[in-house]
N, C-alpha and C. Protein backbone atom coordinates (compact mmCIF):
# COMPACT_ATOMS: atom_id res chain seq x y z
N MET A 1 -0.07 -10.73 -31.28
CA MET A 1 -1.02 -9.77 -30.69
C MET A 1 -0.63 -8.36 -31.12
N PRO A 2 -1.57 -7.54 -31.59
CA PRO A 2 -1.23 -6.18 -31.99
C PRO A 2 -0.83 -5.35 -30.78
N PRO A 3 0.02 -4.33 -30.98
CA PRO A 3 0.42 -3.49 -29.85
C PRO A 3 -0.78 -2.75 -29.27
N LEU A 4 -0.68 -2.43 -27.98
CA LEU A 4 -1.76 -1.70 -27.31
C LEU A 4 -1.92 -0.31 -27.90
N ASP A 5 -3.14 0.04 -28.18
CA ASP A 5 -3.47 1.41 -28.58
C ASP A 5 -3.43 2.28 -27.33
N PRO A 6 -2.49 3.24 -27.23
CA PRO A 6 -2.40 4.05 -26.01
C PRO A 6 -3.65 4.88 -25.77
N GLU A 7 -4.47 5.06 -26.81
CA GLU A 7 -5.71 5.81 -26.64
C GLU A 7 -6.86 4.93 -26.16
N ALA A 8 -6.68 3.62 -26.20
CA ALA A 8 -7.74 2.71 -25.77
C ALA A 8 -7.91 2.79 -24.25
N PRO A 9 -9.12 2.69 -23.75
CA PRO A 9 -9.32 2.75 -22.30
C PRO A 9 -8.76 1.52 -21.60
N ALA A 10 -8.27 1.73 -20.38
CA ALA A 10 -7.87 0.61 -19.54
C ALA A 10 -9.14 -0.14 -19.12
N ARG A 11 -8.95 -1.37 -18.68
CA ARG A 11 -10.09 -2.20 -18.30
C ARG A 11 -10.10 -2.57 -16.82
N ALA A 12 -8.99 -2.34 -16.13
CA ALA A 12 -8.90 -2.71 -14.72
C ALA A 12 -7.95 -1.75 -14.02
N VAL A 13 -8.09 -1.67 -12.69
CA VAL A 13 -7.20 -0.84 -11.88
C VAL A 13 -6.66 -1.68 -10.74
N LEU A 14 -5.35 -1.60 -10.54
CA LEU A 14 -4.66 -2.29 -9.46
C LEU A 14 -4.13 -1.22 -8.51
N PHE A 15 -4.72 -1.14 -7.32
CA PHE A 15 -4.41 -0.10 -6.35
C PHE A 15 -3.42 -0.57 -5.30
N ASP A 16 -2.48 0.31 -4.94
CA ASP A 16 -1.80 0.23 -3.66
C ASP A 16 -2.80 0.70 -2.60
N LEU A 17 -2.59 0.32 -1.35
CA LEU A 17 -3.51 0.76 -0.29
C LEU A 17 -2.89 1.87 0.56
N GLY A 18 -1.82 1.55 1.32
CA GLY A 18 -1.19 2.54 2.17
C GLY A 18 -0.54 3.65 1.36
N GLY A 19 -0.89 4.89 1.66
CA GLY A 19 -0.34 6.03 0.94
C GLY A 19 -1.14 6.44 -0.27
N VAL A 20 -2.14 5.64 -0.65
CA VAL A 20 -3.02 5.97 -1.76
C VAL A 20 -4.46 6.08 -1.28
N LEU A 21 -4.91 5.07 -0.57
CA LEU A 21 -6.28 5.06 -0.04
C LEU A 21 -6.31 5.15 1.48
N VAL A 22 -5.27 4.65 2.13
CA VAL A 22 -5.21 4.60 3.59
C VAL A 22 -4.03 5.44 4.07
N ASP A 23 -4.29 6.30 5.04
CA ASP A 23 -3.25 7.15 5.64
C ASP A 23 -2.59 6.38 6.77
N TRP A 24 -1.61 5.53 6.39
CA TRP A 24 -0.83 4.81 7.41
C TRP A 24 0.47 5.55 7.65
N ASN A 25 0.77 5.86 8.91
CA ASN A 25 2.01 6.55 9.24
C ASN A 25 2.31 6.31 10.71
N PRO A 26 3.49 5.75 11.04
CA PRO A 26 3.80 5.50 12.46
C PRO A 26 3.82 6.77 13.29
N ARG A 27 3.94 7.91 12.66
CA ARG A 27 3.96 9.17 13.42
C ARG A 27 2.62 9.46 14.07
N HIS A 28 1.55 8.92 13.54
CA HIS A 28 0.26 9.10 14.20
C HIS A 28 0.30 8.54 15.62
N LEU A 29 1.04 7.47 15.81
CA LEU A 29 1.22 6.89 17.14
C LEU A 29 2.32 7.59 17.92
N TYR A 30 3.49 7.75 17.30
CA TYR A 30 4.66 8.16 18.05
C TYR A 30 4.67 9.64 18.43
N ARG A 31 3.86 10.44 17.80
CA ARG A 31 3.74 11.83 18.28
C ARG A 31 3.08 11.86 19.65
N ARG A 32 2.34 10.82 19.97
CA ARG A 32 1.75 10.72 21.30
C ARG A 32 2.76 10.21 22.32
N LEU A 33 3.72 9.43 21.87
CA LEU A 33 4.68 8.80 22.78
C LEU A 33 5.95 9.62 22.99
N PHE A 34 6.24 10.52 22.06
CA PHE A 34 7.43 11.37 22.17
C PHE A 34 7.01 12.82 22.28
N ALA A 35 7.56 13.51 23.27
CA ALA A 35 7.29 14.94 23.42
C ALA A 35 8.09 15.77 22.43
N ASP A 36 9.23 15.21 22.01
CA ASP A 36 10.14 15.94 21.12
C ASP A 36 10.11 15.32 19.72
N GLU A 37 9.80 16.15 18.72
CA GLU A 37 9.68 15.67 17.35
C GLU A 37 11.00 15.10 16.83
N ALA A 38 12.11 15.78 17.14
CA ALA A 38 13.41 15.31 16.65
C ALA A 38 13.76 13.95 17.26
N GLU A 39 13.44 13.77 18.51
CA GLU A 39 13.70 12.49 19.17
C GLU A 39 12.87 11.37 18.53
N MET A 40 11.62 11.69 18.20
CA MET A 40 10.77 10.71 17.52
C MET A 40 11.35 10.34 16.17
N GLU A 41 11.78 11.33 15.40
CA GLU A 41 12.33 11.05 14.08
C GLU A 41 13.60 10.21 14.17
N GLU A 42 14.42 10.47 15.16
CA GLU A 42 15.62 9.66 15.34
C GLU A 42 15.25 8.22 15.64
N PHE A 43 14.25 8.02 16.46
CA PHE A 43 13.78 6.66 16.79
C PHE A 43 13.31 5.94 15.53
N LEU A 44 12.57 6.64 14.69
CA LEU A 44 12.00 6.01 13.49
C LEU A 44 13.02 5.83 12.37
N THR A 45 14.13 6.54 12.43
CA THR A 45 15.15 6.38 11.40
C THR A 45 16.32 5.51 11.85
N THR A 46 16.42 5.22 13.14
CA THR A 46 17.55 4.41 13.62
C THR A 46 17.13 3.15 14.34
N ILE A 47 15.88 3.06 14.80
CA ILE A 47 15.46 1.86 15.56
C ILE A 47 14.29 1.19 14.83
N CYS A 48 13.11 1.70 14.94
CA CYS A 48 11.96 1.13 14.21
C CYS A 48 11.94 1.74 12.81
N THR A 49 12.88 1.28 11.99
CA THR A 49 13.08 1.86 10.67
C THR A 49 12.08 1.28 9.66
N GLN A 50 12.00 1.93 8.51
CA GLN A 50 11.17 1.40 7.43
C GLN A 50 11.68 0.04 6.98
N GLU A 51 12.99 -0.13 6.95
CA GLU A 51 13.57 -1.41 6.54
C GLU A 51 13.18 -2.52 7.51
N TRP A 52 13.19 -2.21 8.80
CA TRP A 52 12.77 -3.19 9.80
C TRP A 52 11.29 -3.52 9.63
N ASN A 53 10.47 -2.52 9.41
CA ASN A 53 9.04 -2.74 9.22
C ASN A 53 8.76 -3.61 7.99
N GLU A 54 9.57 -3.43 6.95
CA GLU A 54 9.35 -4.19 5.73
C GLU A 54 9.60 -5.68 5.91
N GLU A 55 10.36 -6.05 6.92
CA GLU A 55 10.53 -7.48 7.21
C GLU A 55 9.21 -8.09 7.68
N GLN A 56 8.41 -7.32 8.41
CA GLN A 56 7.07 -7.80 8.78
C GLN A 56 6.18 -7.84 7.54
N ASP A 57 6.36 -6.88 6.62
CA ASP A 57 5.61 -6.91 5.37
C ASP A 57 5.94 -8.15 4.55
N LEU A 58 7.12 -8.72 4.78
CA LEU A 58 7.53 -9.94 4.08
C LEU A 58 7.08 -11.21 4.80
N GLY A 59 6.48 -11.04 5.98
CA GLY A 59 5.95 -12.21 6.66
C GLY A 59 6.55 -12.52 8.02
N ARG A 60 7.59 -11.77 8.42
CA ARG A 60 8.14 -12.03 9.75
C ARG A 60 7.14 -11.66 10.83
N ALA A 61 7.04 -12.47 11.85
CA ALA A 61 6.12 -12.20 12.96
C ALA A 61 6.55 -10.93 13.69
N PHE A 62 5.59 -10.11 14.09
CA PHE A 62 5.90 -8.92 14.84
C PHE A 62 6.62 -9.26 16.14
N ALA A 63 6.23 -10.34 16.79
CA ALA A 63 6.88 -10.73 18.04
C ALA A 63 8.37 -10.93 17.84
N GLU A 64 8.75 -11.54 16.73
CA GLU A 64 10.17 -11.76 16.44
C GLU A 64 10.87 -10.46 16.11
N GLY A 65 10.25 -9.63 15.30
CA GLY A 65 10.85 -8.34 14.97
C GLY A 65 11.05 -7.47 16.19
N VAL A 66 10.07 -7.45 17.08
CA VAL A 66 10.17 -6.67 18.32
C VAL A 66 11.26 -7.24 19.21
N ARG A 67 11.33 -8.56 19.32
CA ARG A 67 12.35 -9.19 20.16
C ARG A 67 13.75 -8.79 19.72
N LEU A 68 13.99 -8.82 18.43
CA LEU A 68 15.32 -8.47 17.92
C LEU A 68 15.69 -7.03 18.26
N LEU A 69 14.73 -6.12 18.13
CA LEU A 69 15.03 -4.71 18.41
C LEU A 69 15.20 -4.45 19.90
N VAL A 70 14.39 -5.08 20.72
CA VAL A 70 14.50 -4.88 22.17
C VAL A 70 15.86 -5.37 22.67
N GLU A 71 16.36 -6.45 22.10
CA GLU A 71 17.68 -6.94 22.48
C GLU A 71 18.76 -5.92 22.15
N ARG A 72 18.62 -5.22 21.03
CA ARG A 72 19.62 -4.25 20.61
C ARG A 72 19.46 -2.90 21.29
N HIS A 73 18.20 -2.56 21.62
CA HIS A 73 17.91 -1.22 22.16
C HIS A 73 17.01 -1.34 23.39
N PRO A 74 17.49 -1.97 24.46
CA PRO A 74 16.63 -2.20 25.63
C PRO A 74 16.10 -0.91 26.26
N HIS A 75 16.82 0.20 26.09
CA HIS A 75 16.36 1.46 26.67
C HIS A 75 15.12 2.00 25.96
N ARG A 76 14.77 1.43 24.79
CA ARG A 76 13.58 1.84 24.05
C ARG A 76 12.57 0.70 23.96
N ALA A 77 12.63 -0.21 24.89
CA ALA A 77 11.76 -1.39 24.82
C ALA A 77 10.28 -1.02 24.75
N ALA A 78 9.84 -0.09 25.56
CA ALA A 78 8.42 0.27 25.59
C ALA A 78 7.97 0.84 24.26
N GLU A 79 8.78 1.72 23.69
CA GLU A 79 8.41 2.33 22.42
C GLU A 79 8.44 1.31 21.28
N ILE A 80 9.40 0.40 21.33
CA ILE A 80 9.47 -0.64 20.30
C ILE A 80 8.24 -1.55 20.38
N ARG A 81 7.89 -1.97 21.56
CA ARG A 81 6.73 -2.86 21.72
C ARG A 81 5.44 -2.17 21.27
N ALA A 82 5.38 -0.85 21.43
CA ALA A 82 4.17 -0.11 21.02
C ALA A 82 3.93 -0.24 19.53
N TYR A 83 5.00 -0.43 18.73
CA TYR A 83 4.84 -0.57 17.29
C TYR A 83 3.95 -1.76 16.97
N ASP A 84 3.99 -2.75 17.82
CA ASP A 84 3.15 -3.94 17.66
C ASP A 84 1.81 -3.75 18.36
N THR A 85 1.84 -3.46 19.65
CA THR A 85 0.61 -3.46 20.45
C THR A 85 -0.32 -2.29 20.12
N HIS A 86 0.24 -1.20 19.63
CA HIS A 86 -0.58 -0.02 19.29
C HIS A 86 -0.53 0.28 17.79
N TRP A 87 -0.27 -0.75 16.99
CA TRP A 87 -0.14 -0.55 15.56
C TRP A 87 -1.39 0.10 14.96
N HIS A 88 -2.55 -0.23 15.51
CA HIS A 88 -3.80 0.31 14.96
C HIS A 88 -3.84 1.84 15.02
N GLU A 89 -3.07 2.43 15.94
CA GLU A 89 -3.06 3.89 16.04
C GLU A 89 -2.27 4.54 14.92
N MET A 90 -1.57 3.75 14.11
CA MET A 90 -0.85 4.29 12.96
C MET A 90 -1.77 4.52 11.77
N LEU A 91 -2.97 3.98 11.85
CA LEU A 91 -3.95 4.18 10.79
C LEU A 91 -4.70 5.48 11.05
N GLY A 92 -4.40 6.48 10.25
CA GLY A 92 -4.99 7.79 10.49
C GLY A 92 -6.32 8.02 9.79
N GLY A 93 -6.77 7.07 9.01
CA GLY A 93 -8.01 7.24 8.26
C GLY A 93 -7.74 7.06 6.78
N THR A 94 -8.62 7.63 5.96
CA THR A 94 -8.48 7.50 4.50
C THR A 94 -7.80 8.74 3.91
N ILE A 95 -7.25 8.57 2.72
CA ILE A 95 -6.65 9.70 1.99
C ILE A 95 -7.80 10.50 1.36
N ALA A 96 -7.79 11.79 1.60
CA ALA A 96 -8.89 12.65 1.13
C ALA A 96 -9.10 12.51 -0.37
N GLY A 97 -10.32 12.21 -0.74
CA GLY A 97 -10.69 12.15 -2.15
C GLY A 97 -10.46 10.82 -2.83
N SER A 98 -9.51 10.03 -2.36
CA SER A 98 -9.16 8.80 -3.05
C SER A 98 -10.27 7.76 -3.01
N VAL A 99 -10.86 7.58 -1.83
CA VAL A 99 -11.90 6.57 -1.71
C VAL A 99 -13.13 6.98 -2.53
N ALA A 100 -13.38 8.28 -2.64
CA ALA A 100 -14.49 8.74 -3.48
C ALA A 100 -14.25 8.35 -4.94
N LEU A 101 -13.00 8.46 -5.40
CA LEU A 101 -12.67 8.04 -6.76
C LEU A 101 -12.81 6.53 -6.92
N LEU A 102 -12.38 5.80 -5.91
CA LEU A 102 -12.56 4.35 -5.94
C LEU A 102 -14.03 3.99 -6.06
N ASP A 103 -14.88 4.72 -5.34
CA ASP A 103 -16.31 4.48 -5.40
C ASP A 103 -16.87 4.79 -6.79
N GLU A 104 -16.39 5.86 -7.40
CA GLU A 104 -16.82 6.18 -8.77
C GLU A 104 -16.47 5.05 -9.73
N LEU A 105 -15.25 4.52 -9.59
CA LEU A 105 -14.84 3.40 -10.45
C LEU A 105 -15.73 2.19 -10.21
N ARG A 106 -16.03 1.92 -8.94
CA ARG A 106 -16.88 0.78 -8.61
C ARG A 106 -18.26 0.94 -9.24
N ARG A 107 -18.81 2.14 -9.17
CA ARG A 107 -20.15 2.38 -9.72
C ARG A 107 -20.16 2.30 -11.25
N GLN A 108 -18.99 2.52 -11.85
CA GLN A 108 -18.87 2.39 -13.30
C GLN A 108 -18.68 0.94 -13.73
N GLY A 109 -18.49 0.06 -12.76
CA GLY A 109 -18.30 -1.35 -13.07
C GLY A 109 -16.89 -1.71 -13.48
N ILE A 110 -15.92 -0.85 -13.14
CA ILE A 110 -14.51 -1.13 -13.45
C ILE A 110 -14.00 -2.24 -12.53
N ALA A 111 -13.21 -3.15 -13.09
CA ALA A 111 -12.61 -4.22 -12.29
C ALA A 111 -11.54 -3.64 -11.38
N LEU A 112 -11.68 -3.87 -10.08
CA LEU A 112 -10.81 -3.27 -9.07
C LEU A 112 -10.07 -4.35 -8.28
N PHE A 113 -8.75 -4.16 -8.14
CA PHE A 113 -7.90 -5.08 -7.40
C PHE A 113 -6.91 -4.26 -6.59
N ALA A 114 -6.27 -4.90 -5.60
CA ALA A 114 -5.28 -4.20 -4.78
C ALA A 114 -4.05 -5.07 -4.60
N LEU A 115 -2.92 -4.40 -4.46
CA LEU A 115 -1.62 -5.05 -4.25
C LEU A 115 -0.90 -4.23 -3.19
N THR A 116 -0.73 -4.80 -2.00
CA THR A 116 -0.25 -4.00 -0.88
C THR A 116 0.90 -4.67 -0.15
N ASN A 117 1.88 -3.85 0.26
CA ASN A 117 2.90 -4.29 1.20
C ASN A 117 2.33 -4.08 2.60
N TRP A 118 1.95 -5.15 3.25
CA TRP A 118 1.25 -5.06 4.54
C TRP A 118 1.49 -6.36 5.30
N SER A 119 1.73 -6.26 6.57
CA SER A 119 1.92 -7.44 7.41
C SER A 119 0.66 -8.31 7.41
N ALA A 120 0.86 -9.61 7.30
CA ALA A 120 -0.29 -10.51 7.35
C ALA A 120 -0.99 -10.43 8.70
N GLU A 121 -0.23 -10.18 9.76
CA GLU A 121 -0.82 -10.06 11.10
C GLU A 121 -1.71 -8.83 11.23
N LYS A 122 -1.29 -7.74 10.63
CA LYS A 122 -1.98 -6.47 10.82
C LYS A 122 -3.04 -6.19 9.75
N PHE A 123 -2.98 -6.91 8.65
CA PHE A 123 -3.94 -6.63 7.59
C PHE A 123 -5.40 -6.79 8.04
N PRO A 124 -5.74 -7.78 8.88
CA PRO A 124 -7.14 -7.87 9.33
C PRO A 124 -7.62 -6.61 10.05
N ILE A 125 -6.72 -5.84 10.67
CA ILE A 125 -7.12 -4.60 11.32
C ILE A 125 -7.64 -3.62 10.27
N GLY A 126 -6.91 -3.50 9.17
CA GLY A 126 -7.36 -2.62 8.09
C GLY A 126 -8.64 -3.10 7.46
N ARG A 127 -8.75 -4.41 7.23
CA ARG A 127 -9.96 -4.94 6.61
C ARG A 127 -11.18 -4.68 7.48
N ALA A 128 -11.03 -4.80 8.79
CA ALA A 128 -12.15 -4.58 9.69
C ALA A 128 -12.53 -3.10 9.78
N ARG A 129 -11.53 -2.23 9.63
CA ARG A 129 -11.80 -0.80 9.80
C ARG A 129 -12.35 -0.14 8.53
N PHE A 130 -11.88 -0.58 7.36
CA PHE A 130 -12.23 0.11 6.12
C PHE A 130 -13.14 -0.77 5.27
N ASP A 131 -14.41 -0.41 5.22
CA ASP A 131 -15.38 -1.20 4.46
C ASP A 131 -15.02 -1.29 2.98
N PHE A 132 -14.35 -0.26 2.45
CA PHE A 132 -14.09 -0.25 1.01
C PHE A 132 -13.10 -1.34 0.59
N PHE A 133 -12.41 -1.97 1.53
CA PHE A 133 -11.58 -3.12 1.16
C PHE A 133 -12.44 -4.19 0.48
N GLY A 134 -13.70 -4.24 0.85
CA GLY A 134 -14.61 -5.22 0.27
C GLY A 134 -15.03 -4.89 -1.15
N TRP A 135 -14.68 -3.71 -1.65
CA TRP A 135 -15.03 -3.35 -3.02
C TRP A 135 -14.09 -4.00 -4.04
N PHE A 136 -12.94 -4.47 -3.58
CA PHE A 136 -11.98 -5.09 -4.49
C PHE A 136 -12.37 -6.53 -4.78
N SER A 137 -12.19 -6.93 -6.03
CA SER A 137 -12.43 -8.32 -6.40
C SER A 137 -11.34 -9.23 -5.85
N GLY A 138 -10.21 -8.68 -5.50
CA GLY A 138 -9.12 -9.45 -4.90
C GLY A 138 -8.04 -8.53 -4.40
N ILE A 139 -7.34 -8.96 -3.34
CA ILE A 139 -6.23 -8.19 -2.76
C ILE A 139 -5.06 -9.13 -2.54
N VAL A 140 -3.90 -8.77 -3.06
CA VAL A 140 -2.66 -9.50 -2.78
C VAL A 140 -1.95 -8.77 -1.64
N VAL A 141 -1.65 -9.49 -0.56
CA VAL A 141 -1.01 -8.93 0.63
C VAL A 141 0.39 -9.53 0.75
N SER A 142 1.39 -8.69 0.75
CA SER A 142 2.77 -9.17 0.72
C SER A 142 3.07 -10.12 1.87
N GLY A 143 2.60 -9.78 3.07
CA GLY A 143 2.91 -10.61 4.23
C GLY A 143 2.33 -12.01 4.15
N GLU A 144 1.29 -12.17 3.36
CA GLU A 144 0.69 -13.50 3.17
C GLU A 144 1.43 -14.30 2.11
N GLU A 145 2.18 -13.59 1.25
CA GLU A 145 2.82 -14.25 0.11
C GLU A 145 4.33 -14.42 0.28
N GLY A 146 4.92 -13.67 1.23
CA GLY A 146 6.36 -13.76 1.43
C GLY A 146 7.18 -13.05 0.37
N VAL A 147 6.58 -12.11 -0.33
CA VAL A 147 7.26 -11.31 -1.33
C VAL A 147 6.56 -9.97 -1.39
N LYS A 148 7.31 -8.89 -1.64
CA LYS A 148 6.72 -7.56 -1.60
C LYS A 148 7.17 -6.73 -2.78
N LYS A 149 6.40 -5.67 -3.04
CA LYS A 149 6.81 -4.70 -4.05
C LYS A 149 8.15 -4.08 -3.63
N PRO A 150 9.06 -3.81 -4.54
CA PRO A 150 8.91 -3.82 -6.01
C PRO A 150 9.33 -5.12 -6.69
N ASP A 151 9.43 -6.21 -5.95
CA ASP A 151 9.84 -7.48 -6.55
C ASP A 151 8.87 -7.86 -7.67
N PRO A 152 9.35 -8.10 -8.88
CA PRO A 152 8.45 -8.45 -9.99
C PRO A 152 7.59 -9.67 -9.71
N ARG A 153 8.04 -10.54 -8.81
CA ARG A 153 7.28 -11.76 -8.56
C ARG A 153 5.90 -11.48 -7.96
N ILE A 154 5.78 -10.41 -7.18
CA ILE A 154 4.47 -10.14 -6.59
C ILE A 154 3.52 -9.55 -7.63
N PHE A 155 4.06 -8.82 -8.60
CA PHE A 155 3.23 -8.35 -9.71
C PHE A 155 2.80 -9.53 -10.58
N ASP A 156 3.73 -10.45 -10.83
CA ASP A 156 3.38 -11.64 -11.62
C ASP A 156 2.30 -12.45 -10.91
N LEU A 157 2.38 -12.52 -9.59
CA LEU A 157 1.37 -13.25 -8.82
C LEU A 157 0.00 -12.61 -9.02
N ALA A 158 -0.06 -11.27 -8.93
CA ALA A 158 -1.33 -10.57 -9.13
C ALA A 158 -1.86 -10.79 -10.55
N ILE A 159 -0.97 -10.76 -11.53
CA ILE A 159 -1.37 -10.99 -12.92
C ILE A 159 -2.03 -12.35 -13.06
N ARG A 160 -1.39 -13.38 -12.52
CA ARG A 160 -1.92 -14.74 -12.64
C ARG A 160 -3.20 -14.93 -11.84
N ARG A 161 -3.19 -14.44 -10.62
CA ARG A 161 -4.33 -14.68 -9.73
C ARG A 161 -5.58 -13.97 -10.20
N PHE A 162 -5.43 -12.78 -10.73
CA PHE A 162 -6.59 -11.98 -11.11
C PHE A 162 -6.85 -12.01 -12.62
N GLY A 163 -5.99 -12.67 -13.36
CA GLY A 163 -6.17 -12.72 -14.81
C GLY A 163 -6.00 -11.38 -15.48
N LEU A 164 -5.02 -10.60 -15.01
CA LEU A 164 -4.83 -9.24 -15.52
C LEU A 164 -4.00 -9.23 -16.80
N ASP A 165 -4.34 -8.33 -17.68
CA ASP A 165 -3.50 -7.97 -18.81
C ASP A 165 -2.83 -6.65 -18.42
N PRO A 166 -1.51 -6.66 -18.12
CA PRO A 166 -0.87 -5.41 -17.68
C PRO A 166 -1.10 -4.23 -18.62
N ALA A 167 -1.13 -4.48 -19.93
CA ALA A 167 -1.31 -3.39 -20.89
C ALA A 167 -2.67 -2.73 -20.78
N GLN A 168 -3.63 -3.43 -20.16
CA GLN A 168 -4.98 -2.89 -20.00
C GLN A 168 -5.30 -2.58 -18.54
N THR A 169 -4.25 -2.58 -17.69
CA THR A 169 -4.43 -2.38 -16.26
C THR A 169 -3.63 -1.17 -15.80
N LEU A 170 -4.29 -0.26 -15.09
CA LEU A 170 -3.62 0.90 -14.51
C LEU A 170 -3.20 0.56 -13.09
N PHE A 171 -1.90 0.63 -12.81
CA PHE A 171 -1.37 0.40 -11.47
C PHE A 171 -1.11 1.73 -10.81
N ILE A 172 -1.62 1.90 -9.58
CA ILE A 172 -1.52 3.17 -8.85
C ILE A 172 -0.78 2.93 -7.54
N ASP A 173 0.29 3.69 -7.31
CA ASP A 173 1.10 3.53 -6.10
C ASP A 173 1.74 4.87 -5.79
N ASP A 174 2.04 5.12 -4.51
CA ASP A 174 2.69 6.38 -4.15
C ASP A 174 4.21 6.28 -4.23
N SER A 175 4.75 5.09 -4.52
CA SER A 175 6.20 4.89 -4.59
C SER A 175 6.67 4.85 -6.04
N ALA A 176 7.63 5.71 -6.36
CA ALA A 176 8.19 5.71 -7.71
C ALA A 176 8.90 4.40 -8.03
N VAL A 177 9.52 3.79 -7.03
CA VAL A 177 10.19 2.51 -7.24
C VAL A 177 9.18 1.44 -7.65
N ASN A 178 8.02 1.46 -7.00
CA ASN A 178 7.01 0.46 -7.32
C ASN A 178 6.37 0.70 -8.68
N THR A 179 6.11 1.95 -9.02
CA THR A 179 5.52 2.20 -10.33
C THR A 179 6.51 1.89 -11.44
N ALA A 180 7.80 2.12 -11.18
CA ALA A 180 8.81 1.77 -12.18
C ALA A 180 8.86 0.26 -12.41
N ALA A 181 8.76 -0.50 -11.32
CA ALA A 181 8.76 -1.96 -11.45
C ALA A 181 7.55 -2.43 -12.25
N ALA A 182 6.39 -1.84 -11.97
CA ALA A 182 5.18 -2.23 -12.69
C ALA A 182 5.27 -1.84 -14.16
N SER A 183 5.82 -0.67 -14.44
CA SER A 183 5.97 -0.23 -15.83
C SER A 183 6.86 -1.18 -16.60
N GLY A 184 7.91 -1.68 -15.93
CA GLY A 184 8.80 -2.62 -16.57
C GLY A 184 8.14 -3.92 -16.95
N LEU A 185 7.01 -4.23 -16.30
CA LEU A 185 6.25 -5.44 -16.61
C LEU A 185 5.10 -5.17 -17.58
N GLY A 186 5.01 -3.94 -18.06
CA GLY A 186 4.01 -3.62 -19.07
C GLY A 186 2.74 -2.97 -18.55
N PHE A 187 2.67 -2.68 -17.26
CA PHE A 187 1.49 -2.01 -16.71
C PHE A 187 1.47 -0.54 -17.12
N ARG A 188 0.27 0.00 -17.27
CA ARG A 188 0.09 1.44 -17.23
C ARG A 188 0.28 1.84 -15.76
N THR A 189 0.84 2.99 -15.50
CA THR A 189 1.11 3.36 -14.11
C THR A 189 0.77 4.82 -13.83
N HIS A 190 0.48 5.07 -12.57
CA HIS A 190 0.32 6.45 -12.08
C HIS A 190 0.92 6.51 -10.69
N ARG A 191 1.87 7.42 -10.49
CA ARG A 191 2.40 7.63 -9.14
C ARG A 191 1.49 8.61 -8.41
N PHE A 192 0.90 8.13 -7.34
CA PHE A 192 -0.08 8.92 -6.60
C PHE A 192 0.60 10.00 -5.77
N VAL A 193 0.08 11.23 -5.89
CA VAL A 193 0.49 12.34 -5.04
C VAL A 193 -0.73 12.91 -4.32
N HIS A 194 -1.82 13.10 -5.07
CA HIS A 194 -3.05 13.61 -4.49
C HIS A 194 -4.21 13.17 -5.37
N ALA A 195 -5.42 13.33 -4.83
CA ALA A 195 -6.61 12.83 -5.51
C ALA A 195 -6.86 13.56 -6.83
N ALA A 196 -6.54 14.83 -6.91
CA ALA A 196 -6.77 15.57 -8.16
C ALA A 196 -5.93 14.98 -9.29
N GLY A 197 -4.68 14.67 -9.00
CA GLY A 197 -3.83 14.05 -10.01
C GLY A 197 -4.31 12.67 -10.39
N LEU A 198 -4.82 11.94 -9.41
CA LEU A 198 -5.35 10.60 -9.69
C LEU A 198 -6.57 10.70 -10.60
N ARG A 199 -7.44 11.65 -10.34
CA ARG A 199 -8.61 11.81 -11.22
C ARG A 199 -8.18 12.07 -12.66
N ARG A 200 -7.19 12.93 -12.84
CA ARG A 200 -6.71 13.22 -14.19
C ARG A 200 -6.19 11.95 -14.87
N ALA A 201 -5.46 11.14 -14.10
CA ALA A 201 -4.93 9.90 -14.67
C ALA A 201 -6.05 8.94 -15.05
N LEU A 202 -7.06 8.84 -14.21
CA LEU A 202 -8.18 7.96 -14.50
C LEU A 202 -8.94 8.42 -15.74
N VAL A 203 -9.05 9.72 -15.92
CA VAL A 203 -9.69 10.25 -17.13
C VAL A 203 -8.81 9.96 -18.35
N THR A 204 -7.52 10.19 -18.21
CA THR A 204 -6.59 9.95 -19.33
C THR A 204 -6.66 8.51 -19.83
N HIS A 205 -6.82 7.58 -18.89
CA HIS A 205 -6.85 6.16 -19.26
C HIS A 205 -8.26 5.65 -19.55
N GLY A 206 -9.20 6.59 -19.65
CA GLY A 206 -10.56 6.22 -20.07
C GLY A 206 -11.38 5.50 -19.03
N LEU A 207 -10.99 5.65 -17.77
CA LEU A 207 -11.68 4.95 -16.70
C LEU A 207 -12.77 5.80 -16.05
N LEU A 208 -12.59 7.11 -16.07
CA LEU A 208 -13.60 8.06 -15.61
C LEU A 208 -13.74 9.14 -16.68
N PHE A 209 -14.79 9.92 -16.56
CA PHE A 209 -15.05 10.98 -17.52
C PHE A 209 -15.07 12.32 -16.80
N GLU A 210 -14.72 13.36 -17.52
CA GLU A 210 -14.73 14.71 -16.96
C GLU A 210 -16.15 15.09 -16.52
C-alpha cells in the first residue's frame, strides 16, 4: 500500500465526548455541596479521585466503588454517595462551538464515530440528554468493553468495529496521553483545546472548508 499523502483529506472523524463535546466536570455538582473551594478540591484529589472514577469507566459498578470509599472515609459518606446518585449534575451541557462543528461535519456527509471513557451505568444519562449522540454511526464506551483509553486495545476495537483506516481518520481528544496513543497506531490526531482550534484542524485535514 502506498504511504498516505498528508495533503489528502481525511475520510472519517473519531471523537472523544467528555471534554470535547460534553462539559463533564464533578465540580458542577460539588460546588453545590461544599461551601469552601479548597475543601472541595481536597475531596476530589484525595477521596473521589480521577483514578477512582476511572475504575467505573472500566466497568466497575458505582455501588461497589462507593462502598469501598465509604468504608475508608465514613465521615464523607454523603458526599461520596452523591457522586453516584447525583452524577447527572456533573453534566454541565455542551462545549461551546464543538457541537456546531459536529453538525457541519454531519451535513457534509463525513463518517462520524465516538470513543469515550464513560461508565456503562451512566452513559444512558448522556445519551438521553444529548440528541447529537445519535449523529454518530457508532460509539465505543469503555465501561461496556472493560478497557479504556489510552490502552491501544480500545483503539483497535474501534478500528475493527467501524472499519476505520487510522491513516484516513482524525481522532480528536482533550487528553495528550490519548492523542499520543492514537498517533502511535497511525491515526491523524488533534488535541482539543477550543472550538476555534478544532475548526482549523478540520480544515487542515480537508474535512471542512474555510
